[in-house]
Amino acid sequence: MRASIKNYMDALKRRKSEEGDESGFSLIELIVVVVILGVLAAIAIPVFNGIQADAEKNSIKTIAANGASQVSAALAKDPTATPSLTNLTDSGKYVVTVAPKTGSTLSLENFCVTADKATGATTDSVQKSGPGC
């Protein structure tokens, strides 16, 4: 029995020495992985930037719609009131204004709420909501 265990151990040693040390990745495999990650990053970054721009535009649109709802509620309660939209400005990040349709007074049928970014605004970011827009 001792001889068979010794023969088995010798056979294992020979097999290991014949196979060589092939643990790890070759340089080609690593380069392929890096190239694949680079392609994925090149695709994902512009898509992510587009999603952020759309989300910002939608948030400004939502602020304008919320402002229109507040103005409607305030004017329905008191038609002579001047609605305040200060709670929609979010610490100076947005500028929200309400104005009547050109050539008329502020009423429930002819107001327009405009929302925009406070800094770095472009014409794409301006959103309007209300029956007078």
C-alpha atoms as a PDB file:
ATOM      1  CA  MET A   1       0.000   0.000   0.000  1.00  0.00           C
ATOM      2  CA  ARG A   2       2.837   2.364   0.802  1.00  0.00           C
ATOM      3  CA  ALA A   3       4.255   1.856  -2.691  1.00  0.00           C
ATOM      4  CA  SER A   4       0.931   2.661  -4.383  1.00  0.00           C
ATOM      5  CA  ILE A   5       0.563   5.947  -2.451  1.00  0.00           C
ATOM      6  CA  LYS A   6       4.153   6.840  -3.387  1.00  0.00           C
ATOM      7  CA  ASN A   7       3.449   6.047  -7.041  1.00  0.00           C
ATOM      8  CA  TYR A   8       0.293   8.155  -6.938  1.00  0.00           C
ATOM      9  CA  MET A   9       2.160  11.117  -5.419  1.00  0.00           C
ATOM     10  CA  ASP A  10       4.923  10.814  -8.028  1.00  0.00           C
ATOM     11  CA  ALA A  11       2.329  10.746 -10.796  1.00  0.00           C
ATOM     12  CA  LEU A  12       0.708  13.909  -9.412  1.00  0.00           C
ATOM     13  CA  LYS A  13       4.083  15.688  -9.308  1.00  0.00           C
ATOM     14  CA  ARG A  14       4.846  14.682 -12.904  1.00  0.00           C
ATOM     15  CA  ARG A  15       1.443  15.839 -14.091  1.00  0.00           C
ATOM     16  CA  LYS A  16       1.878  19.236 -12.382  1.00  0.00           C
ATOM     17  CA  SER A  17       5.330  19.724 -13.876  1.00  0.00           C
ATOM     18  CA  GLU A  18       4.062  18.824 -17.380  1.00  0.00           C
ATOM     19  CA  GLU A  19       1.143  21.258 -17.198  1.00  0.00           C
ATOM     20  CA  GLY A  20       3.351  24.153 -16.127  1.00  0.00           C
ATOM     21  CA  ASP A  21       2.213  27.188 -14.176  1.00  0.00           C
ATOM     22  CA  GLU A  22      -0.888  28.376 -16.052  1.00  0.00           C
ATOM     23  CA  SER A  23      -2.670  30.168 -13.246  1.00  0.00           C
ATOM     24  CA  GLY A  24      -3.930  33.698 -14.015  1.00  0.00           C
ATOM     25  CA  PHE A  25      -4.838  35.439 -17.241  1.00  0.00           C
ATOM     26  CA  SER A  26      -2.792  35.992 -20.353  1.00  0.00           C
ATOM     27  CA  LEU A  27      -2.034  39.497 -21.588  1.00  0.00           C
ATOM     28  CA  ILE A  28      -4.380  39.073 -24.558  1.00  0.00           C
ATOM     29  CA  GLU A  29      -7.283  38.151 -22.277  1.00  0.00           C
ATOM     30  CA  LEU A  30      -6.688  41.229 -20.130  1.00  0.00           C
ATOM     31  CA  ILE A  31      -6.483  43.506 -23.195  1.00  0.00           C
ATOM     32  CA  VAL A  32      -9.763  42.111 -24.535  1.00  0.00           C
ATOM     33  CA  VAL A  33     -11.484  42.774 -21.213  1.00  0.00           C
ATOM     34  CA  VAL A  34     -10.163  46.352 -21.099  1.00  0.00           C
ATOM     35  CA  VAL A  35     -11.326  47.005 -24.681  1.00  0.00           C
ATOM     36  CA  ILE A  36     -14.801  45.648 -23.921  1.00  0.00           C
ATOM     37  CA  LEU A  37     -15.072  47.836 -20.816  1.00  0.00           C
ATOM     38  CA  GLY A  38     -13.938  50.853 -22.847  1.00  0.00           C
ATOM     39  CA  VAL A  39     -16.610  50.248 -25.492  1.00  0.00           C
ATOM     40  CA  LEU A  40     -19.301  49.858 -22.836  1.00  0.00           C
ATOM     41  CA  ALA A  41     -18.206  53.097 -21.140  1.00  0.00           C
ATOM     42  CA  ALA A  42     -18.179  54.937 -24.479  1.00  0.00           C
ATOM     43  CA  ILE A  43     -21.782  53.880 -25.037  1.00  0.00           C
ATOM     44  CA  ALA A  44     -23.066  54.352 -21.478  1.00  0.00           C
ATOM     45  CA  ILE A  45     -21.719  57.830 -20.657  1.00  0.00           C
ATOM     46  CA  PRO A  46     -23.544  59.763 -23.433  1.00  0.00           C
ATOM     47  CA  VAL A  47     -26.750  57.844 -22.736  1.00  0.00           C
ATOM     48  CA  PHE A  48     -26.480  58.705 -19.042  1.00  0.00           C
ATOM     49  CA  ASN A  49     -25.922  62.402 -19.822  1.00  0.00           C
ATOM     50  CA  GLY A  50     -29.021  62.416 -22.053  1.00  0.00           C
ATOM     51  CA  ILE A  51     -31.082  60.827 -19.285  1.00  0.00           C
ATOM     52  CA  GLN A  52     -29.929  63.489 -16.821  1.00  0.00           C
ATOM     53  CA  ALA A  53     -30.872  66.311 -19.210  1.00  0.00           C
ATOM     54  CA  ASP A  54     -34.326  64.808 -19.768  1.00  0.00           C
ATOM     55  CA  ALA A  55     -34.846  64.385 -16.034  1.00  0.00           C
ATOM     56  CA  GLU A  56     -33.930  68.011 -15.385  1.00  0.00           C
ATOM     57  CA  LYS A  57     -36.300  69.228 -18.109  1.00  0.00           C
ATOM     58  CA  ASN A  58     -39.101  67.064 -16.698  1.00  0.00           C
ATOM     59  CA  SER A  59     -38.491  68.380 -13.182  1.00  0.00           C
ATOM     60  CA  ILE A  60     -38.801  71.974 -14.421  1.00  0.00           C
ATOM     61  CA  LYS A  61     -41.977  71.012 -16.281  1.00  0.00           C
ATOM     62  CA  THR A  62     -43.358  69.515 -13.055  1.00  0.00           C
ATOM     63  CA  ILE A  63     -42.493  72.666 -11.099  1.00  0.00           C
ATOM     64  CA  ALA A  64     -44.383  74.774 -13.664  1.00  0.00           C
ATOM     65  CA  ALA A  65     -47.408  72.464 -13.477  1.00  0.00           C
ATOM     66  CA  ASN A  66     -47.368  72.542  -9.656  1.00  0.00           C
ATOM     67  CA  GLY A  67     -47.179  76.328  -9.799  1.00  0.00           C
ATOM     68  CA  ALA A  68     -50.190  76.426 -12.120  1.00  0.00           C
ATOM     69  CA  SER A  69     -52.126  74.261  -9.666  1.00  0.00           C
ATOM     70  CA  GLN A  70     -51.200  76.569  -6.769  1.00  0.00           C
ATOM     71  CA  VAL A  71     -52.186  79.687  -8.703  1.00  0.00           C
ATOM     72  CA  SER A  72     -55.504  78.090  -9.723  1.00  0.00           C
ATOM     73  CA  ALA A  73     -56.276  77.186  -6.126  1.00  0.00           C
ATOM     74  CA  ALA A  74     -55.312  80.642  -4.845  1.00  0.00           C
ATOM     75  CA  LEU A  75     -57.326  82.471  -7.516  1.00  0.00           C
ATOM     76  CA  ALA A  76     -60.316  80.191  -7.017  1.00  0.00           C
ATOM     77  CA  LYS A  77     -60.256  81.005  -3.308  1.00  0.00           C
ATOM     78  CA  ASP A  78     -59.700  84.760  -3.748  1.00  0.00           C
ATOM     79  CA  PRO A  79     -59.737  86.221  -7.293  1.00  0.00           C
ATOM     80  CA  THR A  80     -58.046  89.446  -6.143  1.00  0.00           C
ATOM     81  CA  ALA A  81     -55.136  87.702  -4.417  1.00  0.00           C
ATOM     82  CA  THR A  82     -51.573  87.733  -5.725  1.00  0.00           C
ATOM     83  CA  PRO A  83     -50.422  84.101  -5.595  1.00  0.00           C
ATOM     84  CA  SER A  84     -47.039  83.371  -4.006  1.00  0.00           C
ATOM     85  CA  LEU A  85     -44.849  80.686  -5.503  1.00  0.00           C
ATOM     86  CA  THR A  86     -41.859  80.985  -3.175  1.00  0.00           C
ATOM     87  CA  ASN A  87     -42.182  77.399  -1.942  1.00  0.00           C
ATOM     88  CA  LEU A  88     -41.451  76.116  -5.481  1.00  0.00           C
ATOM     89  CA  THR A  89     -38.075  77.824  -5.896  1.00  0.00           C
ATOM     90  CA  ASP A  90     -36.153  75.103  -3.968  1.00  0.00           C
ATOM     91  CA  SER A  91     -33.530  77.290  -2.252  1.00  0.00           C
ATOM     92  CA  GLY A  92     -32.756  79.406  -5.294  1.00  0.00           C
ATOM     93  CA  LYS A  93     -32.319  76.571  -7.809  1.00  0.00           C
ATOM     94  CA  TYR A  94     -35.359  77.614  -9.852  1.00  0.00           C
ATOM     95  CA  VAL A  95     -37.094  80.843 -10.823  1.00  0.00           C
ATOM     96  CA  VAL A  96     -40.887  80.552 -10.885  1.00  0.00           C
ATOM     97  CA  THR A  97     -43.038  83.476 -12.004  1.00  0.00           C
ATOM     98  CA  VAL A  98     -46.729  84.006 -12.654  1.00  0.00           C
ATOM     99  CA  ALA A  99     -48.067  86.581 -15.103  1.00  0.00           C
ATOM    100  CA  PRO A 100     -51.386  87.301 -16.803  1.00  0.00           C
ATOM    101  CA  LYS A 101     -51.931  86.927 -20.520  1.00  0.00           C
ATOM    102  CA  THR A 102     -50.688  89.996 -22.391  1.00  0.00           C
ATOM    103  CA  GLY A 103     -53.068  92.929 -22.104  1.00  0.00           C
ATOM    104  CA  SER A 104     -55.266  91.552 -19.333  1.00  0.00           C
ATOM    105  CA  THR A 105     -55.403  91.206 -15.572  1.00  0.00           C
ATOM    106  CA  LEU A 106     -54.531  88.119 -13.598  1.00  0.00           C
ATOM    107  CA  SER A 107     -57.520  85.813 -13.429  1.00  0.00           C
ATOM    108  CA  LEU A 108     -58.306  82.125 -13.294  1.00  0.00           C
ATOM    109  CA  GLU A 109     -58.681  81.947 -17.088  1.00  0.00           C
ATOM    110  CA  ASN A 110     -55.579  83.833 -18.232  1.00  0.00           C
ATOM    111  CA  PHE A 111     -52.501  83.243 -16.077  1.00  0.00           C
ATOM    112  CA  CYS A 112     -49.215  81.676 -17.139  1.00  0.00           C
ATOM    113  CA  VAL A 113     -46.648  80.154 -14.784  1.00  0.00           C
ATOM    114  CA  THR A 114     -43.058  80.103 -16.070  1.00  0.00           C
ATOM    115  CA  ALA A 115     -40.367  77.936 -14.461  1.00  0.00           C
ATOM    116  CA  ASP A 116     -36.667  78.017 -15.263  1.00  0.00           C
ATOM    117  CA  LYS A 117     -33.297  77.182 -13.767  1.00  0.00           C
ATOM    118  CA  ALA A 118     -31.865  80.022 -11.706  1.00  0.00           C
ATOM    119  CA  THR A 119     -28.367  79.698 -13.183  1.00  0.00           C
ATOM    120  CA  GLY A 120     -27.133  78.450 -16.535  1.00  0.00           C
ATOM    121  CA  ALA A 121     -30.593  78.558 -18.053  1.00  0.00           C
ATOM    122  CA  THR A 122     -31.089  77.839 -21.728  1.00  0.00           C
ATOM    123  CA  THR A 123     -34.196  78.326 -23.790  1.00  0.00           C
ATOM    124  CA  ASP A 124     -34.738  74.546 -23.677  1.00  0.00           C
ATOM    125  CA  SER A 125     -35.116  74.612 -19.893  1.00  0.00           C
ATOM    126  CA  VAL A 126     -37.926  77.240 -19.773  1.00  0.00           C
ATOM    127  CA  GLN A 127     -41.274  75.575 -19.132  1.00  0.00           C
ATOM    128  CA  LYS A 128     -44.702  77.189 -19.050  1.00  0.00           C
ATOM    129  CA  SER A 129     -48.006  75.991 -17.685  1.00  0.00           C
ATOM    130  CA  GLY A 130     -51.457  77.495 -17.311  1.00  0.00           C
ATOM    131  CA  PRO A 131     -54.426  78.521 -19.455  1.00  0.00           C
ATOM    132  CA  GLY A 132     -52.842  81.821 -20.564  1.00  0.00           C
ATOM    133  CA  CYS A 133     -49.641  80.359 -22.022  1.00  0.00           C
END
